[in-house]
C-alpha atoms as a PDB file:
ATOM      1  CA  MET A   1      22.580 -14.088 -15.870  1.00  0.00           C
ATOM      2  CA  LEU A   2      20.558 -16.889 -15.707  1.00  0.00           C
ATOM      3  CA  ALA A   3      22.299 -17.986 -12.537  1.00  0.00           C
ATOM      4  CA  ASP A   4      20.803 -14.703 -10.767  1.00  0.00           C
ATOM      5  CA  ALA A   5      17.464 -14.882 -12.519  1.00  0.00           C
ATOM      6  CA  VAL A   6      16.813 -18.654 -11.807  1.00  0.00           C
ATOM      7  CA  GLU A   7      14.776 -18.358  -8.549  1.00  0.00           C
ATOM      8  CA  TYR A   8      12.358 -16.201 -10.669  1.00  0.00           C
ATOM      9  CA  LEU A   9      11.922 -19.613 -13.310  1.00  0.00           C
ATOM     10  CA  ALA A  10       9.173 -22.282 -13.305  1.00  0.00           C
ATOM     11  CA  CYS A  11       9.021 -24.979 -15.180  1.00  0.00           C
ATOM     12  CA  PRO A  12       6.817 -24.250 -18.442  1.00  0.00           C
ATOM     13  CA  LEU A  13       5.391 -27.811 -18.072  1.00  0.00           C
ATOM     14  CA  CYS A  14       4.569 -28.323 -14.412  1.00  0.00           C
ATOM     15  CA  GLY A  15       5.580 -24.870 -13.387  1.00  0.00           C
ATOM     16  CA  THR A  16       7.993 -26.488 -10.352  1.00  0.00           C
ATOM     17  CA  ALA A  17      11.115 -24.452  -9.556  1.00  0.00           C
ATOM     18  CA  LEU A  18      14.073 -24.405 -12.199  1.00  0.00           C
ATOM     19  CA  THR A  19      17.813 -24.617 -10.957  1.00  0.00           C
ATOM     20  CA  LEU A  20      20.493 -24.163 -13.531  1.00  0.00           C
ATOM     21  CA  ALA A  21      23.677 -26.174 -14.298  1.00  0.00           C
ATOM     22  CA  GLU A  22      26.053 -27.195 -16.983  1.00  0.00           C
ATOM     23  CA  ARG A  23      24.276 -25.139 -19.590  1.00  0.00           C
ATOM     24  CA  MET A  24      20.379 -26.878 -18.996  1.00  0.00           C
ATOM     25  CA  LEU A  25      17.676 -25.598 -16.559  1.00  0.00           C
ATOM     26  CA  ARG A  26      16.122 -28.720 -14.921  1.00  0.00           C
ATOM     27  CA  CYS A  27      13.257 -29.246 -12.733  1.00  0.00           C
ATOM     28  CA  ALA A  28      12.993 -31.423 -10.164  1.00  0.00           C
ATOM     29  CA  ARG A  29      10.362 -33.547 -12.281  1.00  0.00           C
ATOM     30  CA  GLY A  30      13.131 -34.375 -14.688  1.00  0.00           C
ATOM     31  CA  HIS A  31      12.217 -31.638 -17.260  1.00  0.00           C
ATOM     32  CA  SER A  32      15.383 -29.790 -18.873  1.00  0.00           C
ATOM     33  CA  PHE A  33      16.083 -27.381 -21.448  1.00  0.00           C
ATOM     34  CA  ASP A  34      18.862 -26.018 -23.026  1.00  0.00           C
ATOM     35  CA  VAL A  35      20.819 -22.761 -22.511  1.00  0.00           C
ATOM     36  CA  ALA A  36      21.854 -21.564 -26.163  1.00  0.00           C
ATOM     37  CA  ARG A  37      25.197 -20.418 -26.980  1.00  0.00           C
ATOM     38  CA  HIS A  38      23.935 -17.159 -28.007  1.00  0.00           C
ATOM     39  CA  GLY A  39      22.928 -16.323 -24.112  1.00  0.00           C
ATOM     40  CA  TYR A  40      19.269 -17.280 -23.907  1.00  0.00           C
ATOM     41  CA  ALA A  41      17.385 -20.224 -22.412  1.00  0.00           C
ATOM     42  CA  SER A  42      14.576 -21.891 -24.532  1.00  0.00           C
ATOM     43  CA  LEU A  43      11.983 -22.637 -22.322  1.00  0.00           C
ATOM     44  CA  LEU A  44       9.119 -23.654 -25.051  1.00  0.00           C
ATOM     45  CA  PRO A  45       7.606 -26.778 -24.695  1.00  0.00           C
ATOM     46  CA  GLY A  46       7.700 -29.054 -27.762  1.00  0.00           C
ATOM     47  CA  ASP A  47       4.489 -28.476 -29.225  1.00  0.00           C
ATOM     48  CA  VAL A  48       4.892 -24.721 -29.394  1.00  0.00           C
ATOM     49  CA  HIS A  49       4.866 -23.033 -33.145  1.00  0.00           C
ATOM     50  CA  ALA A  50       7.211 -20.247 -33.585  1.00  0.00           C
ATOM     51  CA  GLY A  51       5.717 -19.150 -37.075  1.00  0.00           C
ATOM     52  CA  THR A  52       4.327 -16.276 -35.453  1.00  0.00           C
ATOM     53  CA  ALA A  53       7.979 -15.090 -34.025  1.00  0.00           C
ATOM     54  CA  ASP A  54       9.876 -12.015 -35.382  1.00  0.00           C
ATOM     55  CA  THR A  55      12.455 -12.789 -38.130  1.00  0.00           C
ATOM     56  CA  ALA A  56      15.435 -12.142 -38.407  1.00  0.00           C
ATOM     57  CA  ALA A  57      14.730  -8.976 -40.846  1.00  0.00           C
ATOM     58  CA  MET A  58      12.223  -7.458 -38.577  1.00  0.00           C
ATOM     59  CA  VAL A  59      14.283  -8.064 -35.197  1.00  0.00           C
ATOM     60  CA  ALA A  60      17.386  -5.853 -37.346  1.00  0.00           C
ATOM     61  CA  ALA A  61      14.970  -3.312 -38.421  1.00  0.00           C
ATOM     62  CA  ARG A  62      13.685  -2.848 -34.957  1.00  0.00           C
ATOM     63  CA  ASP A  63      17.297  -3.430 -33.339  1.00  0.00           C
ATOM     64  CA  GLU A  64      18.877  -0.176 -35.738  1.00  0.00           C
ATOM     65  CA  PHE A  65      15.334   1.786 -35.692  1.00  0.00           C
ATOM     66  CA  LEU A  66      15.067   1.669 -31.841  1.00  0.00           C
ATOM     67  CA  ARG A  67      19.602   1.979 -31.550  1.00  0.00           C
ATOM     68  CA  ALA A  68      19.035   5.684 -33.196  1.00  0.00           C
ATOM     69  CA  GLY A  69      17.164   6.770 -30.744  1.00  0.00           C
ATOM     70  CA  HIS A  70      13.815   7.419 -32.139  1.00  0.00           C
ATOM     71  CA  PHE A  71      11.558   5.973 -29.572  1.00  0.00           C
ATOM     72  CA  ALA A  72      13.428   6.999 -26.621  1.00  0.00           C
ATOM     73  CA  VAL A  73      11.206   9.178 -25.189  1.00  0.00           C
ATOM     74  CA  ILE A  74       8.919   5.879 -24.706  1.00  0.00           C
ATOM     75  CA  ALA A  75      11.621   3.960 -23.111  1.00  0.00           C
ATOM     76  CA  GLN A  76      12.181   6.991 -20.848  1.00  0.00           C
ATOM     77  CA  ALA A  77       8.736   7.209 -19.617  1.00  0.00           C
ATOM     78  CA  VAL A  78       8.668   3.792 -18.901  1.00  0.00           C
ATOM     79  CA  ALA A  79      11.505   3.823 -16.883  1.00  0.00           C
ATOM     80  CA  GLU A  80       9.935   6.635 -14.903  1.00  0.00           C
ATOM     81  CA  GLU A  81       7.025   4.453 -14.443  1.00  0.00           C
ATOM     82  CA  ALA A  82       8.614   1.613 -13.102  1.00  0.00           C
ATOM     83  CA  VAL A  83      11.186   3.444 -10.354  1.00  0.00           C
ATOM     84  CA  ALA A  84       7.895   5.341  -9.427  1.00  0.00           C
ATOM     85  CA  ALA A  85       5.367   2.219  -9.249  1.00  0.00           C
ATOM     86  CA  THR A  86       8.452   0.138  -7.396  1.00  0.00           C
ATOM     87  CA  THR A  87       9.396   3.220  -5.184  1.00  0.00           C
ATOM     88  CA  THR A  88       7.450   1.534  -2.103  1.00  0.00           C
ATOM     89  CA  ALA A  89       7.524  -1.925  -3.391  1.00  0.00           C
ATOM     90  CA  ALA A  90       9.997  -4.475  -0.581  1.00  0.00           C
ATOM     91  CA  ALA A  91      13.029  -5.380  -2.066  1.00  0.00           C
ATOM     92  CA  GLY A  92      13.612  -8.195  -4.534  1.00  0.00           C
ATOM     93  CA  GLY A  93      11.454  -9.010  -7.073  1.00  0.00           C
ATOM     94  CA  CYS A  94      12.021  -9.108 -10.977  1.00  0.00           C
ATOM     95  CA  VAL A  95      11.376  -7.176 -13.813  1.00  0.00           C
ATOM     96  CA  VAL A  96       9.493  -8.979 -16.376  1.00  0.00           C
ATOM     97  CA  ASP A  97       9.455  -7.749 -20.043  1.00  0.00           C
ATOM     98  CA  VAL A  98       6.581  -9.736 -21.762  1.00  0.00           C
ATOM     99  CA  GLY A  99       7.268 -10.251 -25.548  1.00  0.00           C
ATOM    100  CA  ALA A 100      10.752  -7.851 -24.782  1.00  0.00           C
ATOM    101  CA  GLY A 101      12.226  -8.216 -28.656  1.00  0.00           C
ATOM    102  CA  THR A 102      15.851  -6.672 -28.389  1.00  0.00           C
ATOM    103  CA  GLY A 103      15.590  -5.847 -24.727  1.00  0.00           C
ATOM    104  CA  TYR A 104      15.256  -2.298 -25.590  1.00  0.00           C
ATOM    105  CA  TYR A 105      12.811  -1.038 -23.398  1.00  0.00           C
ATOM    106  CA  LEU A 106      13.938  -3.282 -19.839  1.00  0.00           C
ATOM    107  CA  ALA A 107      17.724  -2.823 -20.831  1.00  0.00           C
ATOM    108  CA  ALA A 108      16.259   1.499 -20.041  1.00  0.00           C
ATOM    109  CA  THR A 109      14.193   0.196 -16.807  1.00  0.00           C
ATOM    110  CA  LEU A 110      17.018  -1.740 -15.459  1.00  0.00           C
ATOM    111  CA  ASP A 111      19.231   1.066 -15.639  1.00  0.00           C
ATOM    112  CA  ARG A 112      17.114   3.151 -13.315  1.00  0.00           C
ATOM    113  CA  LEU A 113      16.426   0.058 -11.128  1.00  0.00           C
ATOM    114  CA  PRO A 114      20.041  -1.045 -10.613  1.00  0.00           C
ATOM    115  CA  ASP A 115      18.593  -3.281  -7.684  1.00  0.00           C
ATOM    116  CA  ARG A 116      16.277  -5.273  -9.855  1.00  0.00           C
ATOM    117  CA  VAL A 117      16.807  -8.492 -12.404  1.00  0.00           C
ATOM    118  CA  GLY A 118      15.402  -8.422 -15.621  1.00  0.00           C
ATOM    119  CA  LEU A 119      13.676 -11.171 -17.553  1.00  0.00           C
ATOM    120  CA  ALA A 120      12.697 -10.382 -21.353  1.00  0.00           C
ATOM    121  CA  LEU A 121      10.608 -12.694 -22.685  1.00  0.00           C
ATOM    122  CA  ASP A 122      10.476 -13.119 -26.473  1.00  0.00           C
ATOM    123  CA  LEU A 123       9.358 -16.379 -29.048  1.00  0.00           C
ATOM    124  CA  SER A 124      11.960 -15.042 -31.480  1.00  0.00           C
ATOM    125  CA  ARG A 125      15.066 -16.542 -31.151  1.00  0.00           C
ATOM    126  CA  TYR A 126      16.659 -13.666 -33.336  1.00  0.00           C
ATOM    127  CA  ALA A 127      15.824 -10.713 -30.939  1.00  0.00           C
ATOM    128  CA  LEU A 128      16.815 -13.240 -28.009  1.00  0.00           C
ATOM    129  CA  ARG A 129      20.086 -13.110 -28.794  1.00  0.00           C
ATOM    130  CA  ARG A 130      20.440  -9.448 -28.915  1.00  0.00           C
ATOM    131  CA  ALA A 131      18.279  -9.315 -25.484  1.00  0.00           C
ATOM    132  CA  ALA A 132      20.402 -11.698 -23.510  1.00  0.00           C
ATOM    133  CA  ARG A 133      23.597  -8.631 -24.775  1.00  0.00           C
ATOM    134  CA  ALA A 134      21.347  -5.409 -24.065  1.00  0.00           C
ATOM    135  CA  HIS A 135      21.691  -5.427 -20.421  1.00  0.00           C
ATOM    136  CA  PRO A 136      24.309  -7.473 -18.002  1.00  0.00           C
ATOM    137  CA  ARG A 137      21.252  -8.023 -15.592  1.00  0.00           C
ATOM    138  CA  ILE A 138      19.004  -9.121 -17.897  1.00  0.00           C
ATOM    139  CA  ALA A 139      18.057 -12.868 -18.657  1.00  0.00           C
ATOM    140  CA  ALA A 140      16.537 -14.038 -21.774  1.00  0.00           C
ATOM    141  CA  LEU A 141      14.147 -16.552 -22.106  1.00  0.00           C
ATOM    142  CA  ARG A 142      12.072 -18.025 -25.202  1.00  0.00           C
ATOM    143  CA  CYS A 143       8.888 -18.803 -24.533  1.00  0.00           C
ATOM    144  CA  ASP A 144       4.753 -17.976 -25.878  1.00  0.00           C
ATOM    145  CA  ALA A 145       3.396 -15.158 -24.458  1.00  0.00           C
ATOM    146  CA  TRP A 146      -0.004 -16.418 -25.082  1.00  0.00           C
ATOM    147  CA  ARG A 147       0.424 -19.349 -22.696  1.00  0.00           C
ATOM    148  CA  ALA A 148       1.722 -19.755 -19.431  1.00  0.00           C
ATOM    149  CA  LEU A 149       4.423 -17.874 -18.564  1.00  0.00           C
ATOM    150  CA  PRO A 150       7.521 -19.624 -17.231  1.00  0.00           C
ATOM    151  CA  VAL A 151       7.761 -17.540 -14.067  1.00  0.00           C
ATOM    152  CA  ARG A 152       6.668 -17.991 -10.657  1.00  0.00           C
ATOM    153  CA  ASP A 153       3.946 -16.801  -8.784  1.00  0.00           C
ATOM    154  CA  GLY A 154       3.873 -13.574  -6.970  1.00  0.00           C
ATOM    155  CA  CYS A 155       7.938 -12.862  -8.264  1.00  0.00           C
ATOM    156  CA  ALA A 156       7.602  -9.919 -10.632  1.00  0.00           C
ATOM    157  CA  ALA A 157       8.118  -6.028  -8.890  1.00  0.00           C
ATOM    158  CA  ALA A 158       6.861  -4.599 -12.471  1.00  0.00           C
ATOM    159  CA  VAL A 159       5.983  -6.699 -15.718  1.00  0.00           C
ATOM    160  CA  LEU A 160       6.487  -4.269 -18.471  1.00  0.00           C
ATOM    161  CA  THR A 161       4.191  -4.843 -22.447  1.00  0.00           C
ATOM    162  CA  VAL A 162       5.104  -2.634 -24.606  1.00  0.00           C
ATOM    163  CA  PHE A 163       3.609  -2.987 -28.152  1.00  0.00           C
ATOM    164  CA  ALA A 164       2.988  -6.689 -27.395  1.00  0.00           C
ATOM    165  CA  PRO A 165       0.789  -9.485 -26.582  1.00  0.00           C
ATOM    166  CA  ARG A 166      -0.442  -9.666 -22.932  1.00  0.00           C
ATOM    167  CA  GLN A 167      -2.745 -12.392 -20.626  1.00  0.00           C
ATOM    168  CA  PRO A 168      -4.139 -10.705 -18.304  1.00  0.00           C
ATOM    169  CA  ALA A 169      -4.499 -13.944 -15.760  1.00  0.00           C
ATOM    170  CA  GLU A 170      -0.964 -14.702 -16.167  1.00  0.00           C
ATOM    171  CA  ILE A 171       0.566 -11.027 -15.752  1.00  0.00           C
ATOM    172  CA  ARG A 172      -1.672 -10.940 -12.136  1.00  0.00           C
ATOM    173  CA  ARG A 173      -0.445 -14.342 -11.137  1.00  0.00           C
ATOM    174  CA  ILE A 174       3.370 -13.318 -11.884  1.00  0.00           C
ATOM    175  CA  LEU A 175       2.967 -10.179 -10.352  1.00  0.00           C
ATOM    176  CA  ARG A 176       3.441  -9.351  -6.376  1.00  0.00           C
ATOM    177  CA  PRO A 177       0.976  -7.679  -4.390  1.00  0.00           C
ATOM    178  CA  ASP A 178       2.910  -4.664  -4.586  1.00  0.00           C
ATOM    179  CA  GLY A 179       3.832  -5.012  -8.046  1.00  0.00           C
ATOM    180  CA  ALA A 180       2.685  -2.866 -11.239  1.00  0.00           C
ATOM    181  CA  PHE A 181       1.657  -3.596 -14.782  1.00  0.00           C
ATOM    182  CA  ILE A 182       3.233  -1.107 -17.060  1.00  0.00           C
ATOM    183  CA  LEU A 183       1.585  -1.394 -20.545  1.00  0.00           C
ATOM    184  CA  VAL A 184       2.373   0.921 -23.843  1.00  0.00           C
ATOM    185  CA  THR A 185      -0.707   0.455 -26.567  1.00  0.00           C
ATOM    186  CA  PRO A 186      -0.338   2.961 -30.094  1.00  0.00           C
ATOM    187  CA  THR A 187      -2.777   5.298 -30.267  1.00  0.00           C
ATOM    188  CA  ALA A 188      -4.785   5.827 -33.603  1.00  0.00           C
ATOM    189  CA  ARG A 189      -2.452   8.788 -34.258  1.00  0.00           C
ATOM    190  CA  HIS A 190       0.853   6.852 -34.182  1.00  0.00           C
ATOM    191  CA  LEU A 191       2.933   7.019 -37.071  1.00  0.00           C
ATOM    192  CA  ALA A 192      -0.800   8.293 -38.449  1.00  0.00           C
ATOM    193  CA  GLU A 193       1.328  10.177 -41.219  1.00  0.00           C
ATOM    194  CA  LEU A 194       2.848   6.752 -43.027  1.00  0.00           C
ATOM    195  CA  VAL A 195      -0.455   4.441 -42.988  1.00  0.00           C
ATOM    196  CA  ALA A 196      -1.926   5.568 -46.086  1.00  0.00           C
ATOM    197  CA  PRO A 197       1.131   6.160 -47.983  1.00  0.00           C
ATOM    198  CA  LEU A 198       2.481   2.828 -46.888  1.00  0.00           C
ATOM    199  CA  GLY A 199      -0.454   0.674 -46.766  1.00  0.00           C
ATOM    200  CA  LEU A 200       0.204  -0.191 -42.720  1.00  0.00           C
ATOM    201  CA  LEU A 201      -2.071  -1.160 -40.574  1.00  0.00           C
ATOM    202  CA  THR A 202      -4.244   0.818 -38.306  1.00  0.00           C
ATOM    203  CA  VAL A 203      -4.636   1.027 -34.477  1.00  0.00           C
ATOM    204  CA  ASP A 204      -8.273  -0.511 -33.411  1.00  0.00           C
ATOM    205  CA  GLU A 205     -10.110   2.998 -32.046  1.00  0.00           C
ATOM    206  CA  ARG A 206     -11.810   0.982 -29.391  1.00  0.00           C
ATOM    207  CA  LYS A 207      -8.546  -0.354 -28.066  1.00  0.00           C
ATOM    208  CA  PRO A 208      -9.101   1.337 -24.829  1.00  0.00           C
ATOM    209  CA  GLU A 209     -12.278  -0.413 -24.156  1.00  0.00           C
ATOM    210  CA  ARG A 210     -11.098  -3.752 -24.957  1.00  0.00           C
ATOM    211  CA  LEU A 211      -8.157  -3.134 -22.734  1.00  0.00           C
ATOM    212  CA  ALA A 212     -10.753  -1.850 -19.515  1.00  0.00           C
ATOM    213  CA  GLU A 213     -12.528  -5.200 -20.418  1.00  0.00           C
ATOM    214  CA  GLN A 214      -9.333  -7.696 -20.345  1.00  0.00           C
ATOM    215  CA  PHE A 215      -7.755  -6.279 -17.271  1.00  0.00           C
ATOM    216  CA  GLY A 216     -10.851  -5.295 -15.493  1.00  0.00           C
ATOM    217  CA  ALA A 217     -11.196  -8.646 -13.271  1.00  0.00           C
ATOM    218  CA  THR A 218      -7.843  -8.928 -11.889  1.00  0.00           C
ATOM    219  CA  LEU A 219      -5.879  -5.544 -12.478  1.00  0.00           C
ATOM    220  CA  MET A 220      -7.260  -1.298 -11.740  1.00  0.00           C
ATOM    221  CA  VAL A 221      -5.268   1.579 -14.044  1.00  0.00           C
ATOM    222  CA  ALA A 222      -3.698   3.582 -11.436  1.00  0.00           C
ATOM    223  CA  ASP A 223      -1.788   6.216 -13.512  1.00  0.00           C
ATOM    224  CA  GLN A 224      -2.399   6.856 -17.270  1.00  0.00           C
ATOM    225  CA  ARG A 225       0.520   8.807 -19.443  1.00  0.00           C
ATOM    226  CA  ALA A 226       0.067   9.889 -22.851  1.00  0.00           C
ATOM    227  CA  ILE A 227       3.239  10.765 -25.073  1.00  0.00           C
ATOM    228  CA  ASP A 228       2.655  12.558 -28.147  1.00  0.00           C
ATOM    229  CA  THR A 229       5.228  14.022 -29.715  1.00  0.00           C
ATOM    230  CA  GLU A 230       6.729  13.972 -33.288  1.00  0.00           C
ATOM    231  CA  VAL A 231      10.381  12.395 -34.634  1.00  0.00           C
ATOM    232  CA  THR A 232      11.558  13.495 -38.371  1.00  0.00           C
ATOM    233  CA  LEU A 233      12.454   9.793 -40.097  1.00  0.00           C
ATOM    234  CA  ALA A 234      14.720   9.594 -43.274  1.00  0.00           C
ATOM    235  CA  ARG A 235      13.477   7.027 -45.857  1.00  0.00           C
ATOM    236  CA  ALA A 236      15.734   4.321 -43.994  1.00  0.00           C
ATOM    237  CA  ASP A 237      14.039   5.259 -40.874  1.00  0.00           C
ATOM    238  CA  VAL A 238      10.464   4.765 -42.570  1.00  0.00           C
ATOM    239  CA  ALA A 239      12.130   1.386 -43.989  1.00  0.00           C
ATOM    240  CA  GLY A 240      12.671   0.328 -40.806  1.00  0.00           C
ATOM    241  CA  VAL A 241       9.626   1.074 -39.041  1.00  0.00           C
ATOM    242  CA  ALA A 242       7.263  -0.633 -41.652  1.00  0.00           C
ATOM    243  CA  ALA A 243       9.620  -3.562 -41.349  1.00  0.00           C
ATOM    244  CA  MET A 244      10.124  -4.048 -37.366  1.00  0.00           C
ATOM    245  CA  GLY A 245       6.246  -4.603 -36.593  1.00  0.00           C
ATOM    246  CA  PRO A 246       3.254  -6.080 -37.902  1.00  0.00           C
ATOM    247  CA  SER A 247       2.986  -4.711 -41.172  1.00  0.00           C
ATOM    248  CA  ALA A 248       5.778  -6.586 -41.983  1.00  0.00           C
ATOM    249  CA  TRP A 249       3.477  -9.752 -42.040  1.00  0.00           C
ATOM    250  CA  HIS A 250       0.633  -8.144 -44.352  1.00  0.00           C
ATOM    251  CA  THR A 251       2.845  -5.939 -46.975  1.00  0.00           C
ATOM    252  CA  ASP A 252       5.052  -6.850 -50.167  1.00  0.00           C
ATOM    253  CA  PRO A 253       8.636  -5.793 -49.658  1.00  0.00           C
ATOM    254  CA  ALA A 254       8.897  -4.514 -52.931  1.00  0.00           C
ATOM    255  CA  MET A 255       5.720  -2.929 -53.201  1.00  0.00           C
ATOM    256  CA  LEU A 256       7.135  -1.368 -50.164  1.00  0.00           C
ATOM    257  CA  ALA A 257      10.449  -0.168 -51.438  1.00  0.00           C
ATOM    258  CA  GLU A 258       8.459   1.384 -54.305  1.00  0.00           C
ATOM    259  CA  ARG A 259       5.988   3.562 -51.824  1.00  0.00           C
ATOM    260  CA  ILE A 260       8.999   4.715 -49.701  1.00  0.00           C
ATOM    261  CA  SER A 261      10.532   5.752 -52.504  1.00  0.00           C
ATOM    262  CA  LYS A 262       7.860   8.445 -53.289  1.00  0.00           C
ATOM    263  CA  LEU A 263       7.915  10.023 -49.528  1.00  0.00           C
ATOM    264  CA  PRO A 264      10.316  13.347 -49.318  1.00  0.00           C
ATOM    265  CA  ASP A 265      14.015  12.576 -48.139  1.00  0.00           C
ATOM    266  CA  ARG A 266      12.658  13.311 -44.578  1.00  0.00           C
ATOM    267  CA  LYS A 267       9.565  12.662 -43.591  1.00  0.00           C
ATOM    268  CA  THR A 268       7.609  13.959 -40.204  1.00  0.00           C
ATOM    269  CA  VAL A 269       5.552  11.332 -38.089  1.00  0.00           C
ATOM    270  CA  THR A 270       3.724  11.405 -34.548  1.00  0.00           C
ATOM    271  CA  VAL A 271       4.851   9.041 -31.896  1.00  0.00           C
ATOM    272  CA  SER A 272       1.876   8.647 -29.842  1.00  0.00           C
ATOM    273  CA  VAL A 273       1.026   6.062 -26.839  1.00  0.00           C
ATOM    274  CA  THR A 274      -0.891   5.697 -23.797  1.00  0.00           C
ATOM    275  CA  ILE A 275       1.298   4.516 -21.333  1.00  0.00           C
ATOM    276  CA  SER A 276      -0.921   2.774 -18.465  1.00  0.00           C
ATOM    277  CA  THR A 277       0.399   1.424 -14.984  1.00  0.00           C
ATOM    278  CA  TYR A 278      -2.029  -1.195 -13.398  1.00  0.00           C
ATOM    279  CA  ARG A 279      -1.959  -2.500  -9.873  1.00  0.00           C
ATOM    280  CA  PRO A 280      -3.769  -6.088  -8.425  1.00  0.00           C
ATOM    281  CA  LYS A 281      -7.182  -5.798  -7.332  1.00  0.00           C
ATOM    282  CA  ALA A 282      -7.761  -7.214  -3.699  1.00  0.00           C
ATOM    283  CA  THR A 283      -9.332 -10.687  -3.769  1.00  0.00           C
ATOM    284  CA  SER A 284     -12.816 -11.086  -2.856  1.00  0.00           C
ATOM    285  CA  GLY A 285     -11.770 -11.355   0.916  1.00  0.00           C
ATOM    286  CA  GLY A 286      -9.995  -8.142   0.919  1.00  0.00           C
ATOM    287  CA  ALA A 287      -6.578  -8.970   1.263  1.00  0.00           C
ATOM    288  CA  GLU A 288      -3.824  -9.464  -1.823  1.00  0.00           C
END
C-alpha cells in the first residue's frame, strides 16, 4: 500500500518528498526510514521517545472491543461525515487518520470512499501492525502526533481524529483548501456508568471551550453531530473498554479486575460523542 501512498508523504526531518525502494523510504537529502516486516513504515526521528504509545495489551483490548461492534455507530457516522464533506472535493487527495490506532475508523471511512488512499498515523507499533492489515488502501506510518506530521502540505481531502491527540496547525497545513477535518470527542456522558465504579478518568466539561480556542484561528466548524445511545456490555467488554483507553495508564490491573467482578453480568452504558466537521478558514487575503 505504501507504493500508492508515497506521493503524500514527507520526510519528518527535512520535509522533502519521499520515495520508496527496497523496503526503504528515502528523501533527496539522504534521510532514510525502514519499512517493517509487519507492513508499516517508521517515520520517527531518532530523538522521539515512544513511552506514551499504546502498549500491546491496550491495542489487543481495543481491537477486540471494536471488532465486537460496540462503537460501530461512531465508525458509521465518521464515514458518513467524510463522504458528505468530500462530495464536492476535487479528485485525488488522501484521508489521514491522526492517532489511527488499529485503523478501525479509517477502514470504515475508506469503505465509503473507494477512490481515496488512507494514511494511518500512530505512535504505537502494536497498533500499526493491525492498521496495516485493516484495509487494502491503508498505509500505516509510525510518527508522533505532537510533532510535524510526515505528510505533504495540502494533500489531505479529509483528516480524522477519533479520541486522539490533535495539532490544529499541522492539521490545517496538510488539509487541502476544500478539505475537511472530522473530530470525534467524548462528552461528559460517555461511559459515565463505568466512571465511578471503576475509577476511570472523567471528561473535562470545558472541552468544547478548549476546542474552540485551539481551532478558532485556522479552522471553522461547518457541521456538528451528536451521538447519544446505549450499548450493553458483558464483563469482558467492560474490561476491554477500561483497558484500551487512557485510564489503563492510571489504574491498577488487579484493583480494576476486582471492581469489574462486582458489576452485573451485563451492564448498559452510554455512548455519547460529538462529531465536529471543520473547514479551513480563508487566509487574510481572502483566498485559501
